[in-house]
Amino acid sequence: MSIDFLVHEAADGVGVVVVESLKSGQEITGWIMKEDQTIKEKILNDIPIGHKLALKDFEVGDTIFKYNTDIGKVVAPIKKGEHVHVHNLKTKRW
């Protein structure tokens, strides 16, 4: 089985894509490292390598966690399976 994205632990809201050329509509496989589990997700957008994938729906103002760390607030609604990046997530640092 090939792994397409990684999740640090089950409580995280996003996974990180680790392969190139993921296209909208694909079902991809992820590995939750801490729990040593695999999961499947259908992606709703093309997602470049190194970018994030939403593992649940988020509303504006929600906080997203990756590696059990607050990585920012949602500035546009995000559906499970969508690309998460600067167009819908902003840091709280500034």
PDB file of N, CA and C in Angstrom:
ATOM      1  N   MET A   1       0.854  -1.181   0.000  1.00  0.00           N
ATOM      2  CA  MET A   1       0.000   0.000   0.000  1.00  0.00           C
ATOM      3  C   MET A   1       0.894   1.236   0.000  1.00  0.00           C
ATOM      4  N   SER A   2       0.587   2.191  -0.859  1.00  0.00           N
ATOM      5  CA  SER A   2       1.360   3.432  -0.863  1.00  0.00           C
ATOM      6  C   SER A   2       0.635   4.479  -0.021  1.00  0.00           C
ATOM      7  N   ILE A   3       1.425   5.326   0.609  1.00  0.00           N
ATOM      8  CA  ILE A   3       0.896   6.395   1.469  1.00  0.00           C
ATOM      9  C   ILE A   3       0.983   7.715   0.705  1.00  0.00           C
ATOM     10  N   ASP A   4      -0.140   8.458   0.677  1.00  0.00           N
ATOM     11  CA  ASP A   4      -0.207   9.729  -0.043  1.00  0.00           C
ATOM     12  C   ASP A   4      -0.106  10.937   0.876  1.00  0.00           C
ATOM     13  N   PHE A   5      -0.497  10.763   2.156  1.00  0.00           N
ATOM     14  CA  PHE A   5      -0.410  11.871   3.104  1.00  0.00           C
ATOM     15  C   PHE A   5      -0.140  11.335   4.501  1.00  0.00           C
ATOM     16  N   LEU A   6       0.418  12.220   5.341  1.00  0.00           N
ATOM     17  CA  LEU A   6       0.757  11.863   6.722  1.00  0.00           C
ATOM     18  C   LEU A   6      -0.019  12.723   7.700  1.00  0.00           C
ATOM     19  N   VAL A   7      -0.387  12.111   8.815  1.00  0.00           N
ATOM     20  CA  VAL A   7      -1.049  12.803   9.922  1.00  0.00           C
ATOM     21  C   VAL A   7      -0.261  12.431  11.172  1.00  0.00           C
ATOM     22  N   HIS A   8       0.101  13.414  11.987  1.00  0.00           N
ATOM     23  CA  HIS A   8       0.900  13.114  13.174  1.00  0.00           C
ATOM     24  C   HIS A   8       0.112  12.296  14.182  1.00  0.00           C
ATOM     25  N   GLU A   9      -1.102  12.778  14.508  1.00  0.00           N
ATOM     26  CA  GLU A   9      -1.950  12.051  15.450  1.00  0.00           C
ATOM     27  C   GLU A   9      -3.407  12.281  15.107  1.00  0.00           C
ATOM     28  N   ALA A  10      -4.270  11.401  15.558  1.00  0.00           N
ATOM     29  CA  ALA A  10      -5.678  11.413  15.174  1.00  0.00           C
ATOM     30  C   ALA A  10      -6.393  12.722  15.506  1.00  0.00           C
ATOM     31  N   ALA A  11      -5.939  13.453  16.506  1.00  0.00           N
ATOM     32  CA  ALA A  11      -6.581  14.714  16.889  1.00  0.00           C
ATOM     33  C   ALA A  11      -6.294  15.848  15.904  1.00  0.00           C
ATOM     34  N   ASP A  12      -5.309  15.684  15.020  1.00  0.00           N
ATOM     35  CA  ASP A  12      -4.975  16.734  14.048  1.00  0.00           C
ATOM     36  C   ASP A  12      -6.104  16.899  13.039  1.00  0.00           C
ATOM     37  N   GLY A  13      -6.304  18.122  12.572  1.00  0.00           N
ATOM     38  CA  GLY A  13      -7.362  18.412  11.608  1.00  0.00           C
ATOM     39  C   GLY A  13      -6.923  18.365  10.159  1.00  0.00           C
ATOM     40  N   VAL A  14      -5.618  18.221   9.927  1.00  0.00           N
ATOM     41  CA  VAL A  14      -5.084  18.186   8.569  1.00  0.00           C
ATOM     42  C   VAL A  14      -4.018  17.107   8.448  1.00  0.00           C
ATOM     43  N   GLY A  15      -3.803  16.690   7.223  1.00  0.00           N
ATOM     44  CA  GLY A  15      -2.700  15.814   6.880  1.00  0.00           C
ATOM     45  C   GLY A  15      -1.826  16.521   5.869  1.00  0.00           C
ATOM     46  N   VAL A  16      -0.587  16.066   5.714  1.00  0.00           N
ATOM     47  CA  VAL A  16       0.355  16.670   4.777  1.00  0.00           C
ATOM     48  C   VAL A  16       0.584  15.715   3.603  1.00  0.00           C
ATOM     49  N   VAL A  17       0.377  16.218   2.401  1.00  0.00           N
ATOM     50  CA  VAL A  17       0.553  15.431   1.186  1.00  0.00           C
ATOM     51  C   VAL A  17       2.040  15.154   0.962  1.00  0.00           C
ATOM     52  N   VAL A  18       2.385  13.894   0.689  1.00  0.00           N
ATOM     53  CA  VAL A  18       3.789  13.508   0.538  1.00  0.00           C
ATOM     54  C   VAL A  18       4.108  12.943  -0.852  1.00  0.00           C
ATOM     55  N   VAL A  19       3.176  13.038  -1.786  1.00  0.00           N
ATOM     56  CA  VAL A  19       3.419  12.605  -3.160  1.00  0.00           C
ATOM     57  C   VAL A  19       2.970  13.701  -4.112  1.00  0.00           C
ATOM     58  N   GLU A  20       3.456  13.637  -5.338  1.00  0.00           N
ATOM     59  CA  GLU A  20       3.099  14.641  -6.341  1.00  0.00           C
ATOM     60  C   GLU A  20       1.870  14.215  -7.133  1.00  0.00           C
ATOM     61  N   SER A  21       1.234  15.209  -7.743  1.00  0.00           N
ATOM     62  CA  SER A  21       0.176  14.992  -8.740  1.00  0.00           C
ATOM     63  C   SER A  21      -1.116  14.416  -8.195  1.00  0.00           C
ATOM     64  N   LEU A  22      -1.532  14.789  -6.988  1.00  0.00           N
ATOM     65  CA  LEU A  22      -2.841  14.368  -6.491  1.00  0.00           C
ATOM     66  C   LEU A  22      -3.910  15.252  -7.132  1.00  0.00           C
ATOM     67  N   LYS A  23      -4.912  14.611  -7.713  1.00  0.00           N
ATOM     68  CA  LYS A  23      -5.942  15.314  -8.479  1.00  0.00           C
ATOM     69  C   LYS A  23      -7.309  15.204  -7.811  1.00  0.00           C
ATOM     70  N   SER A  24      -8.097  16.244  -7.993  1.00  0.00           N
ATOM     71  CA  SER A  24      -9.460  16.286  -7.479  1.00  0.00           C
ATOM     72  C   SER A  24     -10.210  15.006  -7.825  1.00  0.00           C
ATOM     73  N   GLY A  25     -10.920  14.468  -6.836  1.00  0.00           N
ATOM     74  CA  GLY A  25     -11.724  13.276  -7.036  1.00  0.00           C
ATOM     75  C   GLY A  25     -11.025  11.978  -6.681  1.00  0.00           C
ATOM     76  N   GLN A  26      -9.703  12.019  -6.498  1.00  0.00           N
ATOM     77  CA  GLN A  26      -8.976  10.801  -6.137  1.00  0.00           C
ATOM     78  C   GLN A  26      -9.275  10.380  -4.707  1.00  0.00           C
ATOM     79  N   GLU A  27      -9.282   9.084  -4.460  1.00  0.00           N
ATOM     80  CA  GLU A  27      -9.290   8.579  -3.093  1.00  0.00           C
ATOM     81  C   GLU A  27      -7.835   8.277  -2.751  1.00  0.00           C
ATOM     82  N   ILE A  28      -7.361   8.859  -1.654  1.00  0.00           N
ATOM     83  CA  ILE A  28      -5.958   8.716  -1.285  1.00  0.00           C
ATOM     84  C   ILE A  28      -5.843   8.087   0.097  1.00  0.00           C
ATOM     85  N   THR A  29      -4.664   7.562   0.388  1.00  0.00           N
ATOM     86  CA  THR A  29      -4.415   6.847   1.635  1.00  0.00           C
ATOM     87  C   THR A  29      -3.472   7.654   2.517  1.00  0.00           C
ATOM     88  N   GLY A  30      -3.835   7.754   3.792  1.00  0.00           N
ATOM     89  CA  GLY A  30      -2.987   8.452   4.760  1.00  0.00           C
ATOM     90  C   GLY A  30      -2.585   7.535   5.896  1.00  0.00           C
ATOM     91  N   TRP A  31      -1.512   7.903   6.556  1.00  0.00           N
ATOM     92  CA  TRP A  31      -1.015   7.151   7.713  1.00  0.00           C
ATOM     93  C   TRP A  31      -1.020   8.072   8.920  1.00  0.00           C
ATOM     94  N   ILE A  32      -1.747   7.688   9.970  1.00  0.00           N
ATOM     95  CA  ILE A  32      -1.723   8.420  11.239  1.00  0.00           C
ATOM     96  C   ILE A  32      -0.588   7.800  12.057  1.00  0.00           C
ATOM     97  N   MET A  33       0.488   8.560  12.216  1.00  0.00           N
ATOM     98  CA  MET A  33       1.723   8.018  12.773  1.00  0.00           C
ATOM     99  C   MET A  33       1.596   7.573  14.223  1.00  0.00           C
ATOM    100  N   LYS A  34       1.072   8.434  15.093  1.00  0.00           N
ATOM    101  CA  LYS A  34       1.031   8.117  16.523  1.00  0.00           C
ATOM    102  C   LYS A  34       0.207   6.861  16.793  1.00  0.00           C
ATOM    103  N   GLU A  35      -0.917   6.743  16.129  1.00  0.00           N
ATOM    104  CA  GLU A  35      -1.810   5.590  16.341  1.00  0.00           C
ATOM    105  C   GLU A  35      -1.494   4.423  15.400  1.00  0.00           C
ATOM    106  N   ASP A  36      -0.584   4.626  14.460  1.00  0.00           N
ATOM    107  CA  ASP A  36      -0.212   3.628  13.461  1.00  0.00           C
ATOM    108  C   ASP A  36      -1.454   3.055  12.770  1.00  0.00           C
ATOM    109  N   GLN A  37      -2.239   3.978  12.192  1.00  0.00           N
ATOM    110  CA  GLN A  37      -3.456   3.598  11.475  1.00  0.00           C
ATOM    111  C   GLN A  37      -3.425   4.185  10.072  1.00  0.00           C
ATOM    112  N   THR A  38      -4.083   3.520   9.143  1.00  0.00           N
ATOM    113  CA  THR A  38      -4.250   4.102   7.813  1.00  0.00           C
ATOM    114  C   THR A  38      -5.698   4.552   7.660  1.00  0.00           C
ATOM    115  N   ILE A  39      -5.873   5.601   6.860  1.00  0.00           N
ATOM    116  CA  ILE A  39      -7.198   6.146   6.575  1.00  0.00           C
ATOM    117  C   ILE A  39      -7.280   6.449   5.086  1.00  0.00           C
ATOM    118  N   LYS A  40      -8.489   6.545   4.582  1.00  0.00           N
ATOM    119  CA  LYS A  40      -8.744   6.903   3.180  1.00  0.00           C
ATOM    120  C   LYS A  40      -9.527   8.212   3.170  1.00  0.00           C
ATOM    121  N   GLU A  41      -9.191   9.078   2.233  1.00  0.00           N
ATOM    122  CA  GLU A  41      -9.913  10.332   2.046  1.00  0.00           C
ATOM    123  C   GLU A  41     -10.090  10.586   0.554  1.00  0.00           C
ATOM    124  N   LYS A  42     -11.232  11.131   0.177  1.00  0.00           N
ATOM    125  CA  LYS A  42     -11.445  11.577  -1.199  1.00  0.00           C
ATOM    126  C   LYS A  42     -11.123  13.065  -1.238  1.00  0.00           C
ATOM    127  N   ILE A  43     -10.234  13.476  -2.149  1.00  0.00           N
ATOM    128  CA  ILE A  43      -9.856  14.887  -2.194  1.00  0.00           C
ATOM    129  C   ILE A  43     -10.754  15.653  -3.161  1.00  0.00           C
ATOM    130  N   LEU A  44     -11.015  16.904  -2.813  1.00  0.00           N
ATOM    131  CA  LEU A  44     -11.934  17.741  -3.585  1.00  0.00           C
ATOM    132  C   LEU A  44     -11.214  18.741  -4.477  1.00  0.00           C
ATOM    133  N   ASN A  45      -9.895  18.871  -4.323  1.00  0.00           N
ATOM    134  CA  ASN A  45      -9.086  19.774  -5.145  1.00  0.00           C
ATOM    135  C   ASN A  45      -7.783  19.067  -5.486  1.00  0.00           C
ATOM    136  N   ASP A  46      -7.090  19.555  -6.518  1.00  0.00           N
ATOM    137  CA  ASP A  46      -5.710  19.142  -6.722  1.00  0.00           C
ATOM    138  C   ASP A  46      -4.923  19.665  -5.519  1.00  0.00           C
ATOM    139  N   ILE A  47      -4.023  18.867  -4.964  1.00  0.00           N
ATOM    140  CA  ILE A  47      -3.238  19.292  -3.801  1.00  0.00           C
ATOM    141  C   ILE A  47      -1.770  19.005  -4.073  1.00  0.00           C
ATOM    142  N   PRO A  48      -0.929  20.050  -4.069  1.00  0.00           N
ATOM    143  CA  PRO A  48       0.501  19.855  -4.327  1.00  0.00           C
ATOM    144  C   PRO A  48       1.214  19.166  -3.160  1.00  0.00           C
ATOM    145  N   ILE A  49       2.321  18.528  -3.459  1.00  0.00           N
ATOM    146  CA  ILE A  49       3.146  17.901  -2.443  1.00  0.00           C
ATOM    147  C   ILE A  49       3.550  18.954  -1.398  1.00  0.00           C
ATOM    148  N   GLY A  50       3.526  18.565  -0.133  1.00  0.00           N
ATOM    149  CA  GLY A  50       3.893  19.465   0.958  1.00  0.00           C
ATOM    150  C   GLY A  50       2.755  20.321   1.480  1.00  0.00           C
ATOM    151  N   HIS A  51       1.623  20.326   0.788  1.00  0.00           N
ATOM    152  CA  HIS A  51       0.480  21.122   1.225  1.00  0.00           C
ATOM    153  C   HIS A  51      -0.449  20.259   2.071  1.00  0.00           C
ATOM    154  N   LYS A  52      -1.432  20.915   2.686  1.00  0.00           N
ATOM    155  CA  LYS A  52      -2.296  20.249   3.648  1.00  0.00           C
ATOM    156  C   LYS A  52      -3.653  19.876   3.050  1.00  0.00           C
ATOM    157  N   LEU A  53      -4.227  18.816   3.637  1.00  0.00           N
ATOM    158  CA  LEU A  53      -5.526  18.282   3.280  1.00  0.00           C
ATOM    159  C   LEU A  53      -6.415  18.340   4.525  1.00  0.00           C
ATOM    160  N   ALA A  54      -7.620  18.903   4.396  1.00  0.00           N
ATOM    161  CA  ALA A  54      -8.554  18.956   5.532  1.00  0.00           C
ATOM    162  C   ALA A  54      -9.126  17.573   5.814  1.00  0.00           C
ATOM    163  N   LEU A  55      -9.085  17.171   7.080  1.00  0.00           N
ATOM    164  CA  LEU A  55      -9.615  15.872   7.488  1.00  0.00           C
ATOM    165  C   LEU A  55     -11.017  15.977   8.065  1.00  0.00           C
ATOM    166  N   LYS A  56     -11.539  17.212   8.151  1.00  0.00           N
ATOM    167  CA  LYS A  56     -12.909  17.446   8.594  1.00  0.00           C
ATOM    168  C   LYS A  56     -13.333  18.803   8.064  1.00  0.00           C
ATOM    169  N   ASP A  57     -14.594  19.139   8.212  1.00  0.00           N
ATOM    170  CA  ASP A  57     -15.085  20.464   7.811  1.00  0.00           C
ATOM    171  C   ASP A  57     -14.647  21.502   8.835  1.00  0.00           C
ATOM    172  N   PHE A  58     -14.325  22.706   8.355  1.00  0.00           N
ATOM    173  CA  PHE A  58     -13.962  23.828   9.220  1.00  0.00           C
ATOM    174  C   PHE A  58     -14.780  25.051   8.828  1.00  0.00           C
ATOM    175  N   GLU A  59     -15.148  25.833   9.831  1.00  0.00           N
ATOM    176  CA  GLU A  59     -15.861  27.094   9.633  1.00  0.00           C
ATOM    177  C   GLU A  59     -14.904  28.256   9.875  1.00  0.00           C
ATOM    178  N   VAL A  60     -15.247  29.421   9.344  1.00  0.00           N
ATOM    179  CA  VAL A  60     -14.447  30.630   9.572  1.00  0.00           C
ATOM    180  C   VAL A  60     -14.287  30.844  11.076  1.00  0.00           C
ATOM    181  N   GLY A  61     -13.050  31.099  11.501  1.00  0.00           N
ATOM    182  CA  GLY A  61     -12.750  31.325  12.910  1.00  0.00           C
ATOM    183  C   GLY A  61     -12.257  30.088  13.642  1.00  0.00           C
ATOM    184  N   ASP A  62     -12.469  28.896  13.064  1.00  0.00           N
ATOM    185  CA  ASP A  62     -11.963  27.670  13.693  1.00  0.00           C
ATOM    186  C   ASP A  62     -10.441  27.680  13.737  1.00  0.00           C
ATOM    187  N   THR A  63      -9.888  26.963  14.679  1.00  0.00           N
ATOM    188  CA  THR A  63      -8.449  26.759  14.776  1.00  0.00           C
ATOM    189  C   THR A  63      -8.118  25.395  14.182  1.00  0.00           C
ATOM    190  N   ILE A  64      -7.023  25.350  13.430  1.00  0.00           N
ATOM    191  CA  ILE A  64      -6.559  24.082  12.862  1.00  0.00           C
ATOM    192  C   ILE A  64      -5.307  23.640  13.608  1.00  0.00           C
ATOM    193  N   PHE A  65      -5.279  22.353  13.936  1.00  0.00           N
ATOM    194  CA  PHE A  65      -4.122  21.762  14.610  1.00  0.00           C
ATOM    195  C   PHE A  65      -3.404  20.791  13.674  1.00  0.00           C
ATOM    196  N   LYS A  66      -2.089  20.877  13.663  1.00  0.00           N
ATOM    197  CA  LYS A  66      -1.208  19.947  12.955  1.00  0.00           C
ATOM    198  C   LYS A  66      -0.059  19.653  13.902  1.00  0.00           C
ATOM    199  N   TYR A  67       0.323  18.396  14.049  1.00  0.00           N
ATOM    200  CA  TYR A  67       1.346  17.984  15.024  1.00  0.00           C
ATOM    201  C   TYR A  67       0.936  18.412  16.434  1.00  0.00           C
ATOM    202  N   ASN A  68      -0.382  18.398  16.703  1.00  0.00           N
ATOM    203  CA  ASN A  68      -0.936  18.803  17.996  1.00  0.00           C
ATOM    204  C   ASN A  68      -0.580  20.244  18.346  1.00  0.00           C
ATOM    205  N   THR A  69      -0.369  21.078  17.316  1.00  0.00           N
ATOM    206  CA  THR A  69       0.013  22.476  17.490  1.00  0.00           C
ATOM    207  C   THR A  69      -0.934  23.355  16.681  1.00  0.00           C
ATOM    208  N   ASP A  70      -1.358  24.461  17.259  1.00  0.00           N
ATOM    209  CA  ASP A  70      -2.203  25.451  16.600  1.00  0.00           C
ATOM    210  C   ASP A  70      -1.415  26.055  15.432  1.00  0.00           C
ATOM    211  N   ILE A  71      -1.888  25.845  14.198  1.00  0.00           N
ATOM    212  CA  ILE A  71      -1.182  26.407  13.040  1.00  0.00           C
ATOM    213  C   ILE A  71      -1.917  27.595  12.429  1.00  0.00           C
ATOM    214  N   GLY A  72      -3.067  27.980  12.992  1.00  0.00           N
ATOM    215  CA  GLY A  72      -3.744  29.164  12.489  1.00  0.00           C
ATOM    216  C   GLY A  72      -5.246  29.076  12.557  1.00  0.00           C
ATOM    217  N   LYS A  73      -5.873  30.162  12.031  1.00  0.00           N
ATOM    218  CA  LYS A  73      -7.334  30.230  12.036  1.00  0.00           C
ATOM    219  C   LYS A  73      -7.865  30.189  10.609  1.00  0.00           C
ATOM    220  N   VAL A  74      -9.025  29.616  10.484  1.00  0.00           N
ATOM    221  CA  VAL A  74      -9.692  29.473   9.196  1.00  0.00           C
ATOM    222  C   VAL A  74     -10.300  30.815   8.800  1.00  0.00           C
ATOM    223  N   VAL A  75     -10.014  31.260   7.555  1.00  0.00           N
ATOM    224  CA  VAL A  75     -10.539  32.538   7.067  1.00  0.00           C
ATOM    225  C   VAL A  75     -11.557  32.373   5.938  1.00  0.00           C
ATOM    226  N   ALA A  76     -11.746  31.153   5.479  1.00  0.00           N
ATOM    227  CA  ALA A  76     -12.784  30.816   4.495  1.00  0.00           C
ATOM    228  C   ALA A  76     -13.209  29.379   4.793  1.00  0.00           C
ATOM    229  N   PRO A  77     -14.490  29.057   4.641  1.00  0.00           N
ATOM    230  CA  PRO A  77     -14.936  27.691   4.959  1.00  0.00           C
ATOM    231  C   PRO A  77     -14.110  26.640   4.212  1.00  0.00           C
ATOM    232  N   ILE A  78     -13.855  25.522   4.882  1.00  0.00           N
ATOM    233  CA  ILE A  78     -13.075  24.431   4.303  1.00  0.00           C
ATOM    234  C   ILE A  78     -13.867  23.140   4.496  1.00  0.00           C
ATOM    235  N   LYS A  79     -14.052  22.393   3.419  1.00  0.00           N
ATOM    236  CA  LYS A  79     -14.736  21.104   3.499  1.00  0.00           C
ATOM    237  C   LYS A  79     -13.710  19.988   3.642  1.00  0.00           C
ATOM    238  N   LYS A  80     -14.125  18.924   4.291  1.00  0.00           N
ATOM    239  CA  LYS A  80     -13.294  17.727   4.395  1.00  0.00           C
ATOM    240  C   LYS A  80     -12.856  17.321   2.992  1.00  0.00           C
ATOM    241  N   GLY A  81     -11.553  17.104   2.825  1.00  0.00           N
ATOM    242  CA  GLY A  81     -11.010  16.719   1.527  1.00  0.00           C
ATOM    243  C   GLY A  81     -10.463  17.865   0.702  1.00  0.00           C
ATOM    244  N   GLU A  82     -10.638  19.103   1.189  1.00  0.00           N
ATOM    245  CA  GLU A  82     -10.141  20.257   0.437  1.00  0.00           C
ATOM    246  C   GLU A  82      -8.691  20.601   0.787  1.00  0.00           C
ATOM    247  N   HIS A  83      -8.080  21.320  -0.134  1.00  0.00           N
ATOM    248  CA  HIS A  83      -6.736  21.862   0.016  1.00  0.00           C
ATOM    249  C   HIS A  83      -6.765  22.948   1.098  1.00  0.00           C
ATOM    250  N   VAL A  84      -5.842  22.865   2.037  1.00  0.00           N
ATOM    251  CA  VAL A  84      -5.710  23.879   3.093  1.00  0.00           C
ATOM    252  C   VAL A  84      -4.387  24.595   2.867  1.00  0.00           C
ATOM    253  N   HIS A  85      -4.471  25.920   2.681  1.00  0.00           N
ATOM    254  CA  HIS A  85      -3.258  26.713   2.433  1.00  0.00           C
ATOM    255  C   HIS A  85      -3.586  28.176   2.731  1.00  0.00           C
ATOM    256  N   VAL A  86      -2.773  29.092   2.256  1.00  0.00           N
ATOM    257  CA  VAL A  86      -2.912  30.508   2.609  1.00  0.00           C
ATOM    258  C   VAL A  86      -4.215  31.138   2.134  1.00  0.00           C
ATOM    259  N   HIS A  87      -4.919  30.525   1.209  1.00  0.00           N
ATOM    260  CA  HIS A  87      -6.186  31.076   0.733  1.00  0.00           C
ATOM    261  C   HIS A  87      -7.330  30.851   1.722  1.00  0.00           C
ATOM    262  N   ASN A  88      -7.154  29.911   2.684  1.00  0.00           N
ATOM    263  CA  ASN A  88      -8.233  29.660   3.639  1.00  0.00           C
ATOM    264  C   ASN A  88      -7.750  29.480   5.078  1.00  0.00           C
ATOM    265  N   LEU A  89      -6.459  29.653   5.311  1.00  0.00           N
ATOM    266  CA  LEU A  89      -5.878  29.524   6.661  1.00  0.00           C
ATOM    267  C   LEU A  89      -4.840  30.611   6.848  1.00  0.00           C
ATOM    268  N   LYS A  90      -4.899  31.320   7.968  1.00  0.00           N
ATOM    269  CA  LYS A  90      -3.928  32.379   8.284  1.00  0.00           C
ATOM    270  C   LYS A  90      -3.347  32.151   9.655  1.00  0.00           C
ATOM    271  N   THR A  91      -2.082  32.439   9.796  1.00  0.00           N
ATOM    272  CA  THR A  91      -1.412  32.338  11.084  1.00  0.00           C
ATOM    273  C   THR A  91      -2.020  33.317  12.076  1.00  0.00           C
ATOM    274  N   LYS A  92      -1.918  33.016  13.351  1.00  0.00           N
ATOM    275  CA  LYS A  92      -2.381  33.931  14.400  1.00  0.00           C
ATOM    276  C   LYS A  92      -1.232  34.799  14.907  1.00  0.00           C
ATOM    277  N   ARG A  93      -0.051  34.595  14.359  1.00  0.00           N
ATOM    278  CA  ARG A  93       1.143  35.317  14.843  1.00  0.00           C
ATOM    279  C   ARG A  93       1.109  36.790  14.506  1.00  0.00           C
ATOM    280  N   TRP A  94       0.486  37.159  13.382  1.00  0.00           N
ATOM    281  CA  TRP A  94       0.407  38.565  13.004  1.00  0.00           C
ATOM    282  C   TRP A  94      -0.836  38.819  12.198  1.00  0.00           C
TER     283      TRP A  94
END
